[in-house]
Amino acid sequence: MLTAPQILSAVESLALAEETRQQIGLFSRAWPGMTLDDAYAIQSAWVKQKIAAGQRVIGWKIGLTSKAMQYALNINTPDSGVLFENMRFEEGATIPAARFIQPRIEAELAFVMKTPLKGADITVTDVLNATDYIVPALEILDTRIVRKDPATGHARTIVDTVADNAANAGIVLGGQAFRPDAVDMRWMGAIVSRNGVVEETGLGAGVLNHPARGILWLVKRLAQYGDSIAAGQVVLAGSFIRPVEARHGDTITADFGPHGTLSCYFE
């Protein structure tokens, strides 16, 4: 287990990386014995620091829900992070060049909750009943920790990603809302293009066979720490595509077919 001073040091490093847009080294290399609980402890301490500075939590994100992403990182479990108000962008937004370090885009579904969700014994039916509506969404990923150590070539691991707030940095929500019982979320999908060229495609079934299962996983994980999803919060259920690099001058568009299209432009 990491000590309190080590956790504080990690939080200060992440805050500095975000402020200066200069990535820091792998926590997994600095502390080889670091556990997943350590990583969530760093994330939690960082979130508390942000709240103390005046930022407002609006929800959660779930990552690494697809087999493709789990295989890529050699893990077998999703992860989660926290969404803040200042991460939200309007559909069609221009993303300032100085905002992120190495942004990437994922396509997914966002759940907006009408009632709280908590407890270790909930079911997918409970998740659907607690959902007010769903909307297509883009998640903007950014990595304050390097993706690969330049000296050793070692890639970041699950503990690096979790400590880095699951690499979450921004969200773009679509304008069309759908009741959870009015659509087949397994077949909701997107064609994601960069500057008019198709980069990735995917279906909601790529998220644990149903996006609601991502929410179910999150509620059960939060229950272990006495936490829960609150009414009104937004939850990104997990991407069903691999991340698309967003370079300066790129327009990223996600075509969800009958469920709408959304995009953003990176200065």
Protein backbone atom coordinates (compact mmCIF):
# COMPACT_ATOMS: atom_id res chain seq x y z
CA MET A 1 0.00 0.00 0.00
CA LEU A 2 1.21 3.50 -0.80
CA THR A 3 1.72 5.86 2.11
CA ALA A 4 -0.22 9.09 2.55
CA PRO A 5 2.83 11.19 1.49
CA GLN A 6 3.23 9.06 -1.66
CA ILE A 7 -0.44 9.54 -2.55
CA LEU A 8 -0.12 13.30 -2.00
CA SER A 9 3.00 13.37 -4.18
CA ALA A 10 1.13 11.56 -6.96
CA VAL A 11 -1.79 13.99 -6.77
CA GLU A 12 0.53 17.00 -6.91
CA SER A 13 2.30 15.49 -9.94
CA LEU A 14 -1.00 14.93 -11.77
CA ALA A 15 -2.18 18.47 -11.00
CA LEU A 16 1.08 19.92 -12.30
CA ALA A 17 0.91 17.80 -15.47
CA GLU A 18 -2.61 19.02 -16.17
CA GLU A 19 -1.68 22.65 -15.51
CA THR A 20 1.52 22.67 -17.58
CA ARG A 21 0.42 20.07 -20.19
CA GLN A 22 3.66 18.21 -19.55
CA GLN A 23 3.25 14.47 -18.95
CA ILE A 24 4.76 12.74 -15.95
CA GLY A 25 6.36 9.31 -15.67
CA LEU A 26 4.64 6.01 -14.93
CA PHE A 27 3.50 5.52 -11.36
CA SER A 28 3.80 1.78 -11.98
CA ARG A 29 7.53 2.27 -12.55
CA ALA A 30 8.03 4.63 -9.59
CA TRP A 31 6.14 2.23 -7.28
CA PRO A 32 6.30 -1.30 -8.76
CA GLY A 33 4.21 -2.72 -5.92
CA MET A 34 1.36 -0.27 -6.47
CA THR A 35 -2.09 -1.89 -6.32
CA LEU A 36 -5.43 -1.06 -7.90
CA ASP A 37 -6.64 0.16 -4.49
CA ASP A 38 -3.64 2.51 -4.41
CA ALA A 39 -4.59 3.82 -7.83
CA TYR A 40 -8.17 4.54 -6.80
CA ALA A 41 -6.87 6.18 -3.60
CA ILE A 42 -4.81 8.57 -5.76
CA GLN A 43 -7.80 9.24 -7.99
CA SER A 44 -10.03 9.90 -4.97
CA ALA A 45 -7.51 12.30 -3.41
CA TRP A 46 -7.17 14.15 -6.71
CA VAL A 47 -10.96 14.43 -7.02
CA LYS A 48 -11.19 15.83 -3.48
CA GLN A 49 -8.54 18.41 -4.35
CA LYS A 50 -10.52 19.50 -7.40
CA ILE A 51 -13.75 19.77 -5.41
CA ALA A 52 -11.95 21.85 -2.78
CA ALA A 53 -10.82 24.15 -5.60
CA GLY A 54 -14.45 24.73 -6.63
CA GLN A 55 -15.03 22.14 -9.35
CA ARG A 56 -18.37 20.30 -9.42
CA VAL A 57 -18.81 16.57 -10.01
CA ILE A 58 -21.45 15.78 -12.65
CA GLY A 59 -21.00 12.03 -12.98
CA TRP A 60 -18.78 9.11 -13.84
CA LYS A 61 -17.03 7.46 -16.75
CA ILE A 62 -16.42 3.77 -17.27
CA GLY A 63 -13.50 2.60 -19.38
CA LEU A 64 -11.88 -0.56 -20.67
CA THR A 65 -15.23 -2.29 -21.11
CA SER A 66 -14.53 -3.78 -24.55
CA LYS A 67 -12.46 -6.91 -25.10
CA ALA A 68 -10.34 -5.09 -27.68
CA MET A 69 -9.21 -2.50 -25.14
CA GLN A 70 -8.73 -5.08 -22.38
CA TYR A 71 -6.54 -7.20 -24.64
CA ALA A 72 -4.55 -4.13 -25.64
CA LEU A 73 -3.69 -3.39 -21.99
CA ASN A 74 -3.51 -7.05 -20.89
CA ILE A 75 -6.21 -6.61 -18.23
CA ASN A 76 -9.56 -8.25 -17.56
CA THR A 77 -11.52 -5.57 -15.72
CA PRO A 78 -13.06 -2.19 -16.55
CA ASP A 79 -12.03 0.99 -14.73
CA SER A 80 -13.80 4.20 -13.77
CA GLY A 81 -13.20 7.91 -13.30
CA VAL A 82 -15.06 11.07 -12.32
CA LEU A 83 -16.66 13.69 -14.58
CA PHE A 84 -16.49 17.40 -13.72
CA GLU A 85 -18.60 20.28 -15.00
CA ASN A 86 -15.64 21.91 -16.75
CA MET A 87 -15.17 18.76 -18.85
CA ARG A 88 -18.47 19.26 -20.67
CA PHE A 89 -18.45 20.65 -24.22
CA GLU A 90 -21.40 21.46 -26.45
CA GLU A 91 -21.99 19.43 -29.59
CA GLY A 92 -19.96 20.96 -32.42
CA ALA A 93 -17.62 22.68 -29.97
CA THR A 94 -14.20 24.00 -30.86
CA ILE A 95 -11.65 22.54 -28.44
CA PRO A 96 -8.90 25.08 -27.61
CA ALA A 97 -5.41 24.00 -28.62
CA ALA A 98 -4.07 24.68 -25.13
CA ARG A 99 -6.67 22.57 -23.32
CA PHE A 100 -5.26 19.03 -23.64
CA ILE A 101 -1.94 17.20 -23.99
CA GLN A 102 -2.62 14.24 -26.32
CA PRO A 103 -6.39 14.10 -26.85
CA ARG A 104 -8.13 11.06 -28.26
CA ILE A 105 -11.81 10.42 -28.93
CA GLU A 106 -14.08 7.50 -28.07
CA ALA A 107 -17.75 6.96 -29.00
CA GLU A 108 -20.20 5.66 -26.44
CA LEU A 109 -23.58 6.07 -24.81
CA ALA A 110 -24.22 8.36 -21.86
CA PHE A 111 -26.84 7.50 -19.25
CA VAL A 112 -28.55 10.33 -17.35
CA MET A 113 -30.00 9.05 -14.09
CA LYS A 114 -33.40 10.00 -12.67
CA THR A 115 -32.99 8.12 -9.38
CA PRO A 116 -29.94 7.05 -7.36
CA LEU A 117 -28.25 3.72 -7.95
CA LYS A 118 -26.44 2.01 -5.12
CA GLY A 119 -25.74 -1.36 -3.59
CA ALA A 120 -24.01 -4.59 -4.50
CA ASP A 121 -27.19 -6.48 -5.34
CA ILE A 122 -28.65 -4.39 -8.15
CA THR A 123 -29.48 -5.81 -11.58
CA VAL A 124 -29.50 -4.55 -15.18
CA THR A 125 -33.26 -4.03 -14.77
CA ASP A 126 -32.55 -1.74 -11.82
CA VAL A 127 -30.11 0.24 -13.96
CA LEU A 128 -32.65 0.69 -16.75
CA ASN A 129 -35.41 1.68 -14.31
CA ALA A 130 -33.14 4.31 -12.72
CA THR A 131 -32.19 5.82 -16.10
CA ASP A 132 -34.03 8.95 -17.22
CA TYR A 133 -32.65 8.87 -20.76
CA ILE A 134 -29.59 7.99 -22.83
CA VAL A 135 -27.74 10.10 -25.42
CA PRO A 136 -24.94 9.39 -27.89
CA ALA A 137 -21.68 10.83 -26.63
CA LEU A 138 -18.03 11.43 -27.37
CA GLU A 139 -15.45 11.09 -24.63
CA ILE A 140 -12.25 13.09 -24.87
CA LEU A 141 -9.39 11.11 -23.39
CA ASP A 142 -6.13 12.69 -22.29
CA THR A 143 -3.14 11.19 -20.53
CA ARG A 144 -1.34 13.19 -17.89
CA ILE A 145 0.90 10.15 -17.43
CA VAL A 146 3.01 9.00 -20.38
CA ARG A 147 1.58 6.12 -22.38
CA LYS A 148 4.99 4.49 -22.63
CA ASP A 149 8.15 4.96 -20.57
CA PRO A 150 10.80 6.43 -22.92
CA ALA A 151 13.68 4.70 -21.14
CA THR A 152 12.34 1.16 -20.81
CA GLY A 153 9.55 1.05 -23.38
CA HIS A 154 7.16 -0.20 -20.69
CA ALA A 155 3.55 0.78 -21.38
CA ARG A 156 1.26 2.28 -18.79
CA THR A 157 -0.73 -0.28 -16.81
CA ILE A 158 -4.18 -0.32 -15.25
CA VAL A 159 -2.88 1.38 -12.09
CA ASP A 160 -1.47 4.28 -14.10
CA THR A 161 -4.73 4.69 -15.99
CA VAL A 162 -6.93 4.56 -12.89
CA ALA A 163 -4.75 7.01 -10.95
CA ASP A 164 -4.99 9.33 -13.99
CA ASN A 165 -8.80 9.53 -13.51
CA ALA A 166 -9.18 6.76 -16.09
CA ALA A 167 -7.63 9.16 -18.65
CA ASN A 168 -10.84 11.19 -18.68
CA ALA A 169 -10.68 14.81 -19.80
CA GLY A 170 -13.88 15.84 -21.58
CA ILE A 171 -17.32 14.86 -22.84
CA VAL A 172 -19.53 15.92 -25.73
CA LEU A 173 -23.19 14.93 -25.40
CA GLY A 174 -25.53 14.52 -28.36
CA GLY A 175 -28.71 16.51 -28.74
CA GLN A 176 -31.15 13.61 -29.17
CA ALA A 177 -32.29 11.83 -26.02
CA PHE A 178 -33.86 8.37 -25.95
CA ARG A 179 -35.77 6.46 -23.31
CA PRO A 180 -33.87 3.29 -22.33
CA ASP A 181 -36.85 1.10 -23.22
CA ALA A 182 -37.31 2.71 -26.65
CA VAL A 183 -34.05 1.57 -28.24
CA ASP A 184 -31.99 -1.58 -28.52
CA MET A 185 -28.74 -0.32 -27.04
CA ARG A 186 -26.82 -3.41 -28.16
CA TRP A 187 -27.44 -2.34 -31.77
CA MET A 188 -26.86 1.39 -31.29
CA GLY A 189 -23.58 2.14 -32.99
CA ALA A 190 -21.41 4.80 -34.55
CA ILE A 191 -19.24 5.47 -37.57
CA VAL A 192 -16.42 7.69 -36.33
CA SER A 193 -14.55 9.82 -38.86
CA ARG A 194 -11.58 12.16 -38.71
CA ASN A 195 -11.69 14.91 -41.32
CA GLY A 196 -14.21 12.91 -43.34
CA VAL A 197 -12.23 9.65 -43.30
CA VAL A 198 -13.75 6.73 -41.39
CA GLU A 199 -11.43 5.65 -38.58
CA GLU A 200 -13.54 3.34 -36.39
CA THR A 201 -16.95 1.71 -36.22
CA GLY A 202 -18.64 -0.14 -33.38
CA LEU A 203 -21.84 -1.29 -31.69
CA GLY A 204 -23.12 -0.93 -28.14
CA ALA A 205 -22.87 -4.69 -27.67
CA GLY A 206 -19.10 -4.22 -27.52
CA VAL A 207 -19.61 -2.84 -24.01
CA LEU A 208 -19.94 -6.01 -21.91
CA ASN A 209 -22.67 -7.20 -24.33
CA HIS A 210 -24.93 -4.30 -23.24
CA PRO A 211 -24.02 -0.73 -22.20
CA ALA A 212 -26.20 -1.02 -19.08
CA ARG A 213 -23.83 -3.71 -17.83
CA GLY A 214 -21.11 -1.07 -17.66
CA ILE A 215 -23.30 0.94 -15.29
CA LEU A 216 -24.00 -2.22 -13.29
CA TRP A 217 -20.27 -2.87 -12.91
CA LEU A 218 -19.68 0.70 -11.71
CA VAL A 219 -22.44 0.61 -9.08
CA LYS A 220 -21.08 -2.63 -7.66
CA ARG A 221 -17.54 -1.24 -7.57
CA LEU A 222 -18.70 1.94 -5.85
CA ALA A 223 -20.64 -0.11 -3.30
CA GLN A 224 -17.34 -1.55 -2.06
CA TYR A 225 -16.35 1.95 -0.96
CA GLY A 226 -19.74 3.11 0.31
CA ASP A 227 -20.30 5.30 -2.75
CA SER A 228 -23.06 5.41 -5.38
CA ILE A 229 -24.44 7.11 -8.48
CA ALA A 230 -26.66 10.08 -7.66
CA ALA A 231 -29.85 11.20 -9.39
CA GLY A 232 -29.11 13.64 -12.20
CA GLN A 233 -25.58 12.40 -12.77
CA VAL A 234 -24.23 11.53 -16.23
CA VAL A 235 -22.51 8.18 -16.66
CA LEU A 236 -20.45 7.33 -19.74
CA ALA A 237 -21.05 3.60 -20.12
CA GLY A 238 -17.85 2.72 -21.97
CA SER A 239 -16.53 3.02 -25.50
CA PHE A 240 -17.34 0.57 -28.26
CA ILE A 241 -14.50 1.77 -30.50
CA ARG A 242 -10.75 2.06 -30.12
CA PRO A 243 -9.57 5.63 -29.36
CA VAL A 244 -9.09 7.94 -32.35
CA GLU A 245 -6.20 10.41 -32.14
CA ALA A 246 -7.38 14.03 -32.27
CA ARG A 247 -4.64 16.23 -33.74
CA HIS A 248 -4.52 19.98 -34.18
CA GLY A 249 -6.90 20.94 -36.99
CA ASP A 250 -8.91 17.69 -36.82
CA THR A 251 -12.68 17.46 -36.91
CA ILE A 252 -13.97 14.28 -35.27
CA THR A 253 -17.49 13.20 -36.22
CA ALA A 254 -19.53 10.32 -34.84
CA ASP A 255 -22.50 9.28 -36.96
CA PHE A 256 -24.96 7.32 -34.80
CA GLY A 257 -27.36 6.87 -37.73
CA PRO A 258 -30.99 7.39 -36.67
CA HIS A 259 -29.78 8.43 -33.22
CA GLY A 260 -27.99 11.55 -34.41
CA THR A 261 -24.56 12.86 -35.31
CA LEU A 262 -22.14 14.82 -33.13
CA SER A 263 -18.73 16.30 -33.69
CA CYS A 264 -16.01 18.55 -32.31
CA TYR A 265 -13.11 20.46 -33.82
CA PHE A 266 -9.61 20.60 -32.31
CA GLU A 267 -7.78 23.87 -32.86
